[in-house]
Amino acid sequence: MMMKRFTFLSILTLLLAASCAKDAPEAPEGGKVYPYASVSAETGNFPCGGVISTQYADSPYGSDISKLADNDLSTAFVSRHSQFYVLWSGKKALSLKSYTLVSPGGEGAVPDAWVFSGSNDNKAWIQLDKQKGETFSGPGVKKEYKLPSSSSYKYYRFTFSASTSTPAIAEIIFADGAAKDINDLMPRSEGDTHSASTPMGQFCENRHKTTDEDLAWLSNPAGEPTVVVEDQSLTWHDCDVTLYPFGAPVPADVNQHGIGDCSALAVLGSMAYLYPEFIRSIITDNGNRTYTVKMFDPEGKRINVTVSSQFLCNTDMNCGAVTSKHDVVCWSTVLEKAIMKWNSVYHCNNLLDGIATEHTSPLFVGNGDSFAFSNHVLNYEDMERAVTVLLNQGWLVIGGFSENDVVMGDGPYKTVSYHAFTFVLDEGTDALYGMRNPWGFANGGDYDDPRDGVAPIVDDGRTQPLIDLRVCHPGAALEYKQRTLLPYTPPRW
C-alpha cells in the first residue's frame, strides 16, 4: 500500500514539474539570473564587444538579458516589469545609423513605447529616438529604426514602457553608421600645403637654417622676442604663471585679448581639446619662472625654446596676451610667446597678428601638411561628416565665417568674419559639432558664457554655407590621441 502511494505522488510531482516547465525552464541548483552579460562582436548584434545590462535581476531563468544578443530568434529576454531600461556599454564609441528590435517567438511582446538615448559618460544622455504605440505583427518580426545623428557614443540606453504584462524582446541589433573617411569630398578641397623639401610645409621652404648661435639664444630665457604686435601699448612685464589652472590643458585656457592672432589661438584650443597630454609633454617648468617648449625648426628638426615669465601687458598691468579664464597666465600664454620667439629667428611671421593656422601648428607638431574647404563648397551633411570624421581621426580642424553678424540658429550667437574658431564635438544641443571662439565667449552672447564660446552649428540654412575649414595634420601629437573623443564640456570657473 505504501508502495502504491509513493508511486502516485512521484507521478504527480513529475506531472507538476512538466507543467511548470512549459512556462519557464527550471533553474538548476545554485542557478542565478544576472542583470548583465558580456557580448562579443561575433554575434553580429553589435559592431563591437561590450556589456549589455538591464535594471532588474528577476527575469525568468533562461530569459535573461544575454538573450537579447545571442543571435538566436528562438530565445528572448523577458522582464517582469512594465517599465525598465536596457543599457549597452561598448568597448569603444559607436556611431549608429539605425537599430533593430525583433519580436519574441514565445509568450510576451515587445514594449510599445521607448526612448533611445546615447551618452559618453553614462551620466549626460542625448535623446536620439522616441517611439510610441509600436506593434509587431507576429513572432520573429524585425523592425528597423533609422537615426539621423552620426555622433559617436560609448553608451546607448533604451527606456522601455510596456502596456503588456509580459514585455519581451528576442534581439536588439545595432547598425554601425560611422563615416570612415572623406575621400569622396577631397576633390573639393584646396590649399594643400605639403612640401617636398621640408615636413614643415610650404611656408617653411628656403628659410633660415638653424645655427649654434640660434640654438643658444632660443634656449636662453633672457632672449626676449623681437617679433612685434599691432597693439604697441602692450609692454613686457613679469607675471605669475599657473600652467594648468583646471588641472589639465583645456580650450577654456585660450582666451584672446589684445593680440590679433586668433588663427594661432584656435590651433592651441584644438590641441587642448584633442591632445591635452601632448601639451603637457612639450612644456617643461624649469622651476625658476622660466619654461622650455619643445618645437621644430623650418627643416623639421627638434629645438628647445625657453621663455621667461615676462609677458605682454596693457597699461593697467593686466595681461594683454592670451590667458585662461579670469586672466590667469597659463600654458597658452607660454606657447604664444614661444611662437613669437621662434619667429624672431626664422622670420616666417614678423607680425604675430594675422599669423595663419597652417603657420602655427607645425611649430609644435612638426608636420605642415594641411588642406582647406572653402565656404559654399560643402552642404550641411557633407560638412558634418567632414568635421566629425576629421576630429575623430585626430586632425586639427579650424574654421571661420565669410559674413559677419549672421544669427546662428535661433541665436543668441552670431557669426564673426575674419576670425578663426576651434571645431569641437558638441553636446546638449541639436548640433553634432560646434565652433569655439578664442575669445572664450561667442558674438551675441554673454562674456561669462557657460558654453565657453562654443556656438552650435545647426542646419538653419544660413550659418553652415558661410563656413570655411582649414585642416592641419597632428604630426607628433598623434601618438597622444585619445581612444574616445568626447564632446567638449567646459570646466567650471
Protein backbone atom coordinates (compact mmCIF):
# COMPACT_ATOMS: atom_id res chain seq x y z
CA MET A 1 0.00 0.00 0.00
CA MET A 2 2.81 2.39 0.85
CA MET A 3 4.50 1.49 -2.41
CA LYS A 4 1.39 2.45 -4.41
CA ARG A 5 1.09 5.82 -2.62
CA PHE A 6 4.75 6.60 -3.26
CA THR A 7 4.34 5.84 -6.93
CA PHE A 8 1.26 8.05 -7.21
CA LEU A 9 2.96 11.00 -5.50
CA SER A 10 6.04 10.61 -7.65
CA ILE A 11 3.98 10.65 -10.80
CA LEU A 12 2.05 13.69 -9.58
CA THR A 13 5.29 15.52 -8.83
CA LEU A 14 6.64 14.76 -12.30
CA LEU A 15 3.44 15.99 -13.94
CA LEU A 16 3.56 19.26 -11.98
CA ALA A 17 7.19 19.75 -12.86
CA ALA A 18 6.45 19.15 -16.52
CA SER A 19 3.59 21.64 -16.41
CA CYS A 20 5.81 24.34 -14.87
CA ALA A 21 8.50 23.66 -17.42
CA LYS A 22 6.16 24.84 -20.17
CA ASP A 23 6.14 28.31 -18.59
CA ALA A 24 9.87 28.68 -17.90
CA PRO A 25 12.92 26.46 -17.58
CA GLU A 26 13.64 25.44 -14.04
CA ALA A 27 16.86 26.92 -12.68
CA PRO A 28 19.47 24.33 -11.77
CA GLU A 29 20.54 24.15 -8.15
CA GLY A 30 22.54 27.29 -7.40
CA GLY A 31 21.43 28.88 -10.66
CA LYS A 32 21.17 32.65 -10.75
CA VAL A 33 19.86 35.23 -13.22
CA TYR A 34 22.26 38.11 -13.78
CA PRO A 35 21.14 41.56 -14.98
CA TYR A 36 24.19 41.89 -17.26
CA ALA A 37 26.11 39.86 -19.84
CA SER A 38 29.29 40.23 -21.86
CA VAL A 39 28.70 40.33 -25.60
CA SER A 40 31.18 39.62 -28.38
CA ALA A 41 31.04 41.40 -31.72
CA GLU A 42 30.96 37.95 -33.33
CA THR A 43 27.25 37.55 -32.59
CA GLY A 44 26.56 40.29 -35.14
CA ASN A 45 24.21 42.19 -32.84
CA PHE A 46 26.68 44.96 -32.05
CA PRO A 47 29.64 46.29 -34.10
CA CYS A 48 31.99 45.90 -31.14
CA GLY A 49 32.19 43.93 -27.93
CA GLY A 50 30.78 45.24 -24.69
CA VAL A 51 28.31 44.63 -21.89
CA ILE A 52 24.52 44.63 -22.05
CA SER A 53 22.59 45.14 -18.83
CA THR A 54 19.12 45.81 -17.52
CA GLN A 55 17.52 47.35 -14.49
CA TYR A 56 16.30 44.22 -12.71
CA ALA A 57 17.72 40.76 -11.96
CA ASP A 58 14.39 38.88 -11.77
CA SER A 59 13.90 37.69 -15.35
CA PRO A 60 12.69 34.09 -15.66
CA TYR A 61 15.57 31.63 -15.80
CA GLY A 62 16.59 31.14 -19.44
CA SER A 63 15.19 34.56 -20.43
CA ASP A 64 17.92 36.77 -19.02
CA ILE A 65 19.45 39.83 -20.68
CA SER A 66 22.04 37.79 -22.60
CA LYS A 67 19.25 36.50 -24.85
CA LEU A 68 18.98 39.96 -26.43
CA ALA A 69 22.33 39.49 -28.13
CA ASP A 70 22.73 35.76 -28.80
CA ASN A 71 21.65 35.88 -32.48
CA ASP A 72 19.03 33.23 -31.72
CA LEU A 73 15.41 34.09 -32.54
CA SER A 74 14.15 31.14 -30.50
CA THR A 75 15.23 32.84 -27.26
CA ALA A 76 14.14 36.14 -25.79
CA PHE A 77 14.77 38.49 -22.90
CA VAL A 78 11.72 38.72 -20.67
CA SER A 79 11.10 41.35 -18.00
CA ARG A 80 8.63 41.20 -15.12
CA HIS A 81 8.27 44.99 -15.15
CA SER A 82 6.24 47.37 -17.30
CA GLN A 83 9.00 49.98 -17.17
CA PHE A 84 12.68 49.12 -17.36
CA TYR A 85 15.87 50.07 -19.15
CA VAL A 86 18.33 48.15 -21.30
CA LEU A 87 21.86 49.60 -21.38
CA TRP A 88 24.62 48.90 -23.87
CA SER A 89 28.19 49.74 -22.77
CA GLY A 90 30.57 49.30 -25.69
CA LYS A 91 34.32 48.80 -25.67
CA LYS A 92 34.50 51.83 -27.94
CA ALA A 93 32.25 54.65 -29.05
CA LEU A 94 29.94 53.85 -31.94
CA SER A 95 28.03 55.97 -34.40
CA LEU A 96 24.75 54.29 -35.35
CA LYS A 97 22.70 54.68 -38.50
CA SER A 98 19.88 52.50 -37.12
CA TYR A 99 18.83 49.95 -34.53
CA THR A 100 16.53 46.94 -34.91
CA LEU A 101 14.20 45.18 -32.46
CA VAL A 102 12.99 41.63 -33.05
CA SER A 103 9.74 40.29 -31.56
CA PRO A 104 9.85 37.09 -29.47
CA GLY A 105 8.74 33.71 -30.74
CA GLY A 106 7.10 32.60 -27.48
CA GLU A 107 4.95 34.38 -24.96
CA GLY A 108 5.33 38.10 -24.42
CA ALA A 109 5.51 41.10 -26.70
CA VAL A 110 7.88 43.94 -27.49
CA PRO A 111 7.10 47.03 -25.37
CA ASP A 112 5.01 49.51 -27.33
CA ALA A 113 6.93 52.65 -26.26
CA TRP A 114 10.52 53.61 -25.57
CA VAL A 115 13.14 56.36 -25.61
CA PHE A 116 16.53 55.61 -27.15
CA SER A 117 19.46 57.72 -25.89
CA GLY A 118 23.24 57.98 -26.21
CA SER A 119 25.95 59.05 -23.77
CA ASN A 120 29.71 59.12 -23.49
CA ASP A 121 29.94 59.17 -19.70
CA ASN A 122 26.81 57.24 -18.62
CA LYS A 123 25.62 60.43 -16.94
CA ALA A 124 24.58 63.02 -19.51
CA TRP A 125 22.17 61.49 -22.06
CA ILE A 126 21.15 62.73 -25.50
CA GLN A 127 17.78 61.55 -26.79
CA LEU A 128 18.25 60.04 -30.24
CA ASP A 129 14.85 58.49 -30.91
CA LYS A 130 11.41 58.12 -29.34
CA GLN A 131 8.66 55.66 -30.26
CA LYS A 132 5.09 55.25 -29.04
CA GLY A 133 2.29 52.88 -29.98
CA GLU A 134 4.58 50.39 -31.74
CA THR A 135 3.20 46.96 -32.62
CA PHE A 136 4.82 43.83 -34.06
CA SER A 137 2.57 41.65 -36.24
CA GLY A 138 3.90 38.29 -35.07
CA PRO A 139 6.89 36.34 -33.79
CA GLY A 140 10.31 36.96 -35.28
CA VAL A 141 9.33 40.31 -36.83
CA LYS A 142 12.24 42.71 -37.33
CA LYS A 143 11.63 46.46 -37.24
CA GLU A 144 14.45 48.87 -38.06
CA TYR A 145 14.53 52.43 -36.74
CA LYS A 146 16.77 54.89 -38.59
CA LEU A 147 18.74 57.52 -36.69
CA PRO A 148 19.54 60.99 -38.05
CA SER A 149 22.57 61.51 -35.82
CA SER A 150 26.11 60.48 -36.75
CA SER A 151 27.62 61.29 -33.34
CA SER A 152 29.55 58.52 -31.63
CA TYR A 153 28.52 57.30 -28.18
CA LYS A 154 30.01 54.69 -25.89
CA TYR A 155 26.72 54.05 -24.09
CA TYR A 156 23.27 53.50 -25.57
CA ARG A 157 20.12 53.10 -23.49
CA PHE A 158 16.54 52.02 -24.15
CA THR A 159 14.00 53.19 -21.58
CA PHE A 160 11.01 50.93 -22.24
CA SER A 161 7.35 51.36 -21.25
CA ALA A 162 5.10 48.37 -21.87
CA SER A 163 1.34 48.02 -21.76
CA THR A 164 1.72 44.22 -21.89
CA SER A 165 2.14 42.24 -18.69
CA THR A 166 4.97 40.22 -20.24
CA PRO A 167 7.38 42.54 -22.10
CA ALA A 168 9.85 40.51 -24.14
CA ILE A 169 12.39 41.14 -26.90
CA ALA A 170 14.12 38.48 -28.95
CA GLU A 171 17.05 40.51 -30.29
CA ILE A 172 18.48 44.02 -30.42
CA ILE A 173 20.75 44.81 -33.37
CA PHE A 174 22.83 47.95 -33.94
CA ALA A 175 23.89 49.08 -37.42
CA ASP A 176 27.18 50.98 -37.49
CA GLY A 177 26.75 54.38 -39.13
CA ALA A 178 30.20 55.84 -38.58
CA ALA A 179 31.67 57.52 -41.61
CA LYS A 180 35.15 56.09 -42.07
CA ASP A 181 36.65 58.67 -44.38
CA ILE A 182 36.00 61.74 -46.54
CA ASN A 183 37.79 60.52 -49.66
CA ASP A 184 34.84 61.46 -51.85
CA LEU A 185 34.96 65.04 -50.53
CA MET A 186 38.67 65.61 -51.12
CA PRO A 187 38.33 66.63 -54.82
CA ARG A 188 36.52 69.71 -53.49
CA SER A 189 39.37 70.63 -51.15
CA GLU A 190 42.07 73.20 -51.93
CA GLY A 191 45.11 74.89 -50.44
CA ASP A 192 47.31 71.82 -49.99
CA THR A 193 50.43 72.97 -48.09
CA HIS A 194 52.50 69.79 -48.38
CA SER A 195 56.17 70.39 -49.20
CA ALA A 196 58.56 68.00 -50.91
CA SER A 197 61.55 69.71 -49.30
CA THR A 198 60.54 70.01 -45.62
CA PRO A 199 58.00 68.24 -43.39
CA MET A 200 57.03 71.65 -42.05
CA GLY A 201 55.04 72.67 -45.12
CA GLN A 202 55.44 75.16 -47.93
CA PHE A 203 55.72 78.24 -45.71
CA CYS A 204 58.95 76.83 -44.23
CA GLU A 205 60.66 76.23 -47.56
CA ASN A 206 64.02 78.01 -48.07
CA ARG A 207 64.00 79.57 -44.62
CA HIS A 208 66.90 80.43 -42.35
CA LYS A 209 68.87 77.35 -41.30
CA THR A 210 69.40 76.93 -37.57
CA THR A 211 72.88 77.76 -36.26
CA ASP A 212 74.50 77.01 -32.92
CA GLU A 213 74.09 80.67 -32.04
CA ASP A 214 70.37 80.38 -32.77
CA LEU A 215 70.04 77.35 -30.51
CA ALA A 216 71.85 79.16 -27.69
CA TRP A 217 69.63 82.24 -28.00
CA LEU A 218 66.41 80.23 -28.30
CA SER A 219 67.21 78.21 -25.17
CA ASN A 220 68.21 81.29 -23.16
CA PRO A 221 65.22 82.80 -21.32
CA ALA A 222 66.95 86.18 -21.34
CA GLY A 223 66.47 86.34 -25.09
CA GLU A 224 63.13 88.12 -25.40
CA PRO A 225 61.16 88.05 -28.69
CA THR A 226 61.67 90.82 -31.21
CA VAL A 227 58.51 89.99 -33.18
CA VAL A 228 56.06 92.84 -32.75
CA VAL A 229 52.28 93.04 -32.31
CA GLU A 230 49.90 95.66 -33.65
CA ASP A 231 48.95 96.97 -30.22
CA GLN A 232 52.07 98.99 -29.40
CA SER A 233 50.70 99.89 -25.97
CA LEU A 234 51.43 96.35 -24.78
CA THR A 235 54.74 96.06 -22.95
CA TRP A 236 56.68 93.26 -21.24
CA HIS A 237 56.10 92.72 -17.54
CA ASP A 238 56.74 89.87 -15.13
CA CYS A 239 53.66 87.72 -14.40
CA ASP A 240 52.82 84.80 -12.17
CA VAL A 241 52.16 81.63 -14.16
CA THR A 242 49.78 78.77 -13.38
CA LEU A 243 50.41 76.34 -16.20
CA TYR A 244 47.21 74.32 -15.84
CA PRO A 245 44.52 76.23 -13.92
CA PHE A 246 41.95 73.44 -14.41
CA GLY A 247 44.38 70.62 -13.69
CA ALA A 248 44.93 69.78 -17.37
CA PRO A 249 45.04 71.78 -20.61
CA VAL A 250 41.54 72.66 -21.83
CA PRO A 251 40.23 75.01 -24.54
CA ALA A 252 38.98 77.32 -21.76
CA ASP A 253 42.66 78.18 -21.21
CA VAL A 254 42.61 80.01 -24.56
CA ASN A 255 41.06 83.45 -24.16
CA GLN A 256 42.21 86.04 -26.66
CA HIS A 257 42.94 89.59 -25.55
CA GLY A 258 44.85 92.40 -27.25
CA ILE A 259 46.76 90.44 -29.91
CA GLY A 260 45.06 89.64 -33.22
CA ASP A 261 46.37 86.08 -33.51
CA CYS A 262 43.03 84.26 -33.50
CA SER A 263 44.19 81.63 -36.02
CA ALA A 264 47.12 80.65 -33.82
CA LEU A 265 44.93 80.59 -30.71
CA ALA A 266 42.32 78.44 -32.47
CA VAL A 267 45.13 75.94 -33.08
CA LEU A 268 46.07 76.00 -29.38
CA GLY A 269 42.41 75.44 -28.49
CA SER A 270 42.26 72.48 -30.87
CA MET A 271 45.43 71.00 -29.38
CA ALA A 272 43.93 71.34 -25.90
CA TYR A 273 40.71 69.64 -26.98
CA LEU A 274 42.31 66.78 -28.91
CA TYR A 275 45.73 66.38 -27.30
CA PRO A 276 45.91 67.73 -23.73
CA GLU A 277 48.67 65.29 -22.77
CA PHE A 278 50.72 66.32 -25.78
CA ILE A 279 50.72 69.90 -24.48
CA ARG A 280 51.98 68.66 -21.13
CA SER A 281 54.74 66.73 -22.91
CA ILE A 282 56.17 69.74 -24.76
CA ILE A 283 56.29 72.21 -21.85
CA THR A 284 58.82 71.95 -19.04
CA ASP A 285 58.52 74.12 -15.95
CA ASN A 286 62.15 74.82 -15.06
CA GLY A 287 61.23 75.85 -11.52
CA ASN A 288 62.81 79.28 -11.82
CA ARG A 289 59.96 81.15 -13.55
CA THR A 290 61.15 80.02 -16.96
CA TYR A 291 59.55 77.49 -19.31
CA THR A 292 61.08 75.37 -22.06
CA VAL A 293 58.93 74.42 -25.05
CA LYS A 294 59.81 71.61 -27.47
CA MET A 295 59.38 72.92 -31.01
CA PHE A 296 60.56 72.26 -34.59
CA ASP A 297 62.71 74.45 -36.82
CA PRO A 298 61.85 75.07 -40.53
CA GLU A 299 63.68 71.86 -41.51
CA GLY A 300 61.64 69.79 -39.06
CA LYS A 301 64.45 69.38 -36.52
CA ARG A 302 63.73 69.44 -32.79
CA ILE A 303 64.68 72.61 -30.95
CA ASN A 304 64.11 73.95 -27.44
CA VAL A 305 62.65 77.41 -26.95
CA THR A 306 62.83 78.79 -23.41
CA VAL A 307 60.79 81.81 -22.33
CA SER A 308 60.82 83.89 -19.18
CA SER A 309 57.79 84.92 -17.12
CA GLN A 310 57.74 88.28 -18.89
CA PHE A 311 54.52 88.65 -20.90
CA LEU A 312 52.82 91.43 -22.82
CA CYS A 313 50.57 93.51 -20.56
CA ASN A 314 48.48 96.64 -21.01
CA THR A 315 48.89 99.92 -19.15
CA ASP A 316 46.79 98.58 -16.25
CA MET A 317 49.29 95.71 -15.88
CA ASN A 318 46.65 93.21 -16.99
CA CYS A 319 47.89 90.57 -19.39
CA GLY A 320 47.21 91.55 -22.99
CA ALA A 321 48.39 88.18 -24.26
CA VAL A 322 46.21 85.07 -24.32
CA THR A 323 45.24 83.74 -20.88
CA SER A 324 42.98 81.24 -19.21
CA LYS A 325 39.71 82.27 -17.58
CA HIS A 326 39.94 85.19 -15.16
CA ASP A 327 43.15 86.39 -16.88
CA VAL A 328 45.30 83.57 -15.48
CA VAL A 329 48.64 83.38 -17.31
CA CYS A 330 48.99 79.73 -18.27
CA TRP A 331 50.34 77.25 -20.83
CA SER A 332 48.63 79.04 -23.73
CA THR A 333 50.38 82.28 -22.79
CA VAL A 334 53.70 80.41 -22.73
CA LEU A 335 53.11 78.85 -26.17
CA GLU A 336 52.03 82.17 -27.66
CA LYS A 337 55.31 83.73 -26.50
CA ALA A 338 57.24 80.72 -27.83
CA ILE A 339 55.72 81.37 -31.26
CA MET A 340 56.95 84.96 -31.10
CA LYS A 341 60.44 83.89 -30.08
CA TRP A 342 60.56 81.25 -32.85
CA ASN A 343 59.64 83.85 -35.46
CA SER A 344 62.28 86.21 -34.09
CA VAL A 345 64.85 83.78 -35.53
CA TYR A 346 63.13 82.33 -38.60
CA HIS A 347 61.03 85.36 -39.67
CA CYS A 348 58.16 83.41 -41.17
CA ASN A 349 55.78 85.87 -39.50
CA ASN A 350 57.33 89.14 -38.39
CA LEU A 351 53.99 90.33 -37.00
CA LEU A 352 52.12 87.98 -34.69
CA ASP A 353 48.76 89.49 -35.59
CA GLY A 354 47.27 87.67 -38.57
CA ILE A 355 49.54 84.60 -38.31
CA ALA A 356 47.97 81.74 -40.27
CA THR A 357 46.67 78.48 -38.83
CA GLU A 358 48.96 76.44 -41.07
CA HIS A 359 51.92 78.56 -39.90
CA THR A 360 51.21 77.73 -36.27
CA SER A 361 50.57 74.02 -35.80
CA PRO A 362 53.84 72.82 -37.48
CA LEU A 363 55.94 74.72 -34.93
CA PHE A 364 54.70 72.31 -32.25
CA VAL A 365 53.74 69.10 -34.12
CA GLY A 366 56.49 69.11 -36.78
CA ASN A 367 54.15 68.48 -39.72
CA GLY A 368 53.00 71.22 -42.08
CA ASP A 369 50.54 69.22 -44.17
CA SER A 370 47.14 70.88 -44.35
CA PHE A 371 44.23 71.45 -46.70
CA ALA A 372 41.09 73.56 -46.81
CA PHE A 373 37.45 73.61 -47.84
CA SER A 374 36.17 77.00 -48.91
CA ASN A 375 32.74 78.30 -47.90
CA HIS A 376 29.71 77.28 -50.02
CA VAL A 377 31.57 74.10 -51.12
CA LEU A 378 30.14 71.53 -48.69
CA ASN A 379 26.46 71.09 -47.88
CA TYR A 380 25.41 70.61 -44.26
CA GLU A 381 25.56 66.82 -44.35
CA ASP A 382 28.97 66.82 -46.05
CA MET A 383 30.43 69.32 -43.60
CA GLU A 384 29.00 67.45 -40.64
CA ARG A 385 30.69 64.30 -41.90
CA ALA A 386 33.95 66.09 -42.66
CA VAL A 387 34.18 67.69 -39.22
CA THR A 388 33.21 64.60 -37.21
CA VAL A 389 35.42 62.23 -39.22
CA LEU A 390 38.45 64.53 -39.14
CA LEU A 391 38.14 65.25 -35.42
CA ASN A 392 37.80 61.56 -34.61
CA GLN A 393 40.86 60.87 -36.75
CA GLY A 394 42.79 63.48 -34.76
CA TRP A 395 43.18 66.31 -37.29
CA LEU A 396 43.24 69.90 -36.03
CA VAL A 397 40.12 71.50 -37.54
CA ILE A 398 39.91 75.30 -37.63
CA GLY A 399 37.30 77.41 -39.39
CA GLY A 400 35.81 80.83 -39.96
CA PHE A 401 32.82 82.66 -41.46
CA SER A 402 32.66 84.67 -44.67
CA GLU A 403 29.99 87.05 -43.32
CA ASN A 404 29.61 88.98 -40.08
CA ASP A 405 26.70 89.19 -37.61
CA VAL A 406 24.54 86.46 -39.16
CA VAL A 407 22.32 84.94 -36.48
CA MET A 408 23.22 81.30 -35.90
CA GLY A 409 20.22 79.03 -35.45
CA ASP A 410 17.78 80.63 -33.02
CA GLY A 411 20.52 82.81 -31.53
CA PRO A 412 21.86 84.43 -29.49
CA TYR A 413 25.17 83.66 -31.19
CA LYS A 414 26.18 85.44 -34.37
CA THR A 415 28.91 84.86 -36.93
CA VAL A 416 32.20 86.76 -36.86
CA SER A 417 34.07 87.31 -40.11
CA TYR A 418 37.87 87.47 -40.42
CA HIS A 419 38.13 85.39 -37.27
CA ALA A 420 39.18 81.78 -36.54
CA PHE A 421 37.37 79.18 -34.44
CA THR A 422 38.18 75.76 -33.00
CA PHE A 423 35.87 72.90 -34.01
CA VAL A 424 34.70 70.57 -31.22
CA LEU A 425 32.07 67.87 -30.90
CA ASP A 426 29.02 69.38 -29.23
CA GLU A 427 26.66 68.04 -26.60
CA GLY A 428 23.37 69.19 -25.19
CA THR A 429 22.12 70.84 -28.39
CA ASP A 430 20.68 69.67 -31.71
CA ALA A 431 24.11 70.15 -33.30
CA LEU A 432 26.73 67.43 -33.58
CA TYR A 433 29.57 69.92 -33.53
CA GLY A 434 30.25 73.49 -32.56
CA MET A 435 32.80 76.25 -33.19
CA ARG A 436 34.62 77.68 -30.18
CA ASN A 437 35.56 81.35 -30.28
CA PRO A 438 39.08 82.02 -28.91
CA TRP A 439 37.57 84.99 -27.08
CA GLY A 440 36.06 82.44 -24.66
CA PHE A 441 32.59 83.83 -25.35
CA ALA A 442 30.51 83.99 -28.51
CA ASN A 443 29.49 87.02 -30.53
CA GLY A 444 25.99 87.94 -29.37
CA GLY A 445 26.32 86.03 -26.10
CA ASP A 446 27.35 87.00 -22.59
CA TYR A 447 31.01 87.41 -21.77
CA ASP A 448 30.66 84.86 -18.93
CA ASP A 449 29.41 82.25 -21.37
CA PRO A 450 28.75 78.84 -19.71
CA ARG A 451 29.41 77.21 -23.11
CA ASP A 452 32.86 78.86 -23.24
CA GLY A 453 32.16 80.44 -26.62
CA VAL A 454 31.06 77.22 -28.38
CA ALA A 455 28.34 78.09 -30.89
CA PRO A 456 26.36 75.03 -32.09
CA ILE A 457 26.28 74.64 -35.86
CA VAL A 458 22.72 73.65 -36.70
CA ASP A 459 21.14 73.19 -40.10
CA ASP A 460 19.46 76.60 -40.22
CA GLY A 461 20.13 77.19 -43.93
CA ARG A 462 22.23 80.29 -43.15
CA THR A 463 25.20 79.52 -40.97
CA GLN A 464 26.91 76.45 -42.38
CA PRO A 465 27.31 77.66 -46.02
CA LEU A 466 29.38 80.58 -44.68
CA ILE A 467 31.95 78.31 -43.01
CA ASP A 468 35.40 77.57 -44.42
CA LEU A 469 37.73 74.96 -42.96
CA ARG A 470 41.50 74.67 -42.58
CA VAL A 471 42.55 71.17 -41.54
CA CYS A 472 46.07 70.59 -40.15
CA HIS A 473 47.94 67.34 -39.65
CA PRO A 474 48.54 66.50 -35.95
CA GLY A 475 52.09 65.25 -36.57
CA ALA A 476 53.92 64.38 -33.35
CA ALA A 477 50.73 64.89 -31.32
CA LEU A 478 49.07 61.87 -32.92
CA GLU A 479 50.71 59.42 -30.53
CA TYR A 480 48.73 61.13 -27.75
CA LYS A 481 45.39 60.51 -29.47
CA GLN A 482 42.53 59.74 -27.09
CA ARG A 483 40.76 56.41 -27.55
CA THR A 484 37.35 58.07 -27.46
CA LEU A 485 36.87 61.72 -28.33
CA LEU A 486 34.13 63.14 -26.14
CA PRO A 487 32.09 66.28 -26.78
CA TYR A 488 33.66 69.37 -25.24
CA THR A 489 32.41 70.06 -21.73
CA PRO A 490 33.69 73.43 -20.46
CA PRO A 491 35.14 73.32 -16.94
CA ARG A 492 33.61 75.26 -14.11
CA TRP A 493 35.26 78.52 -13.24
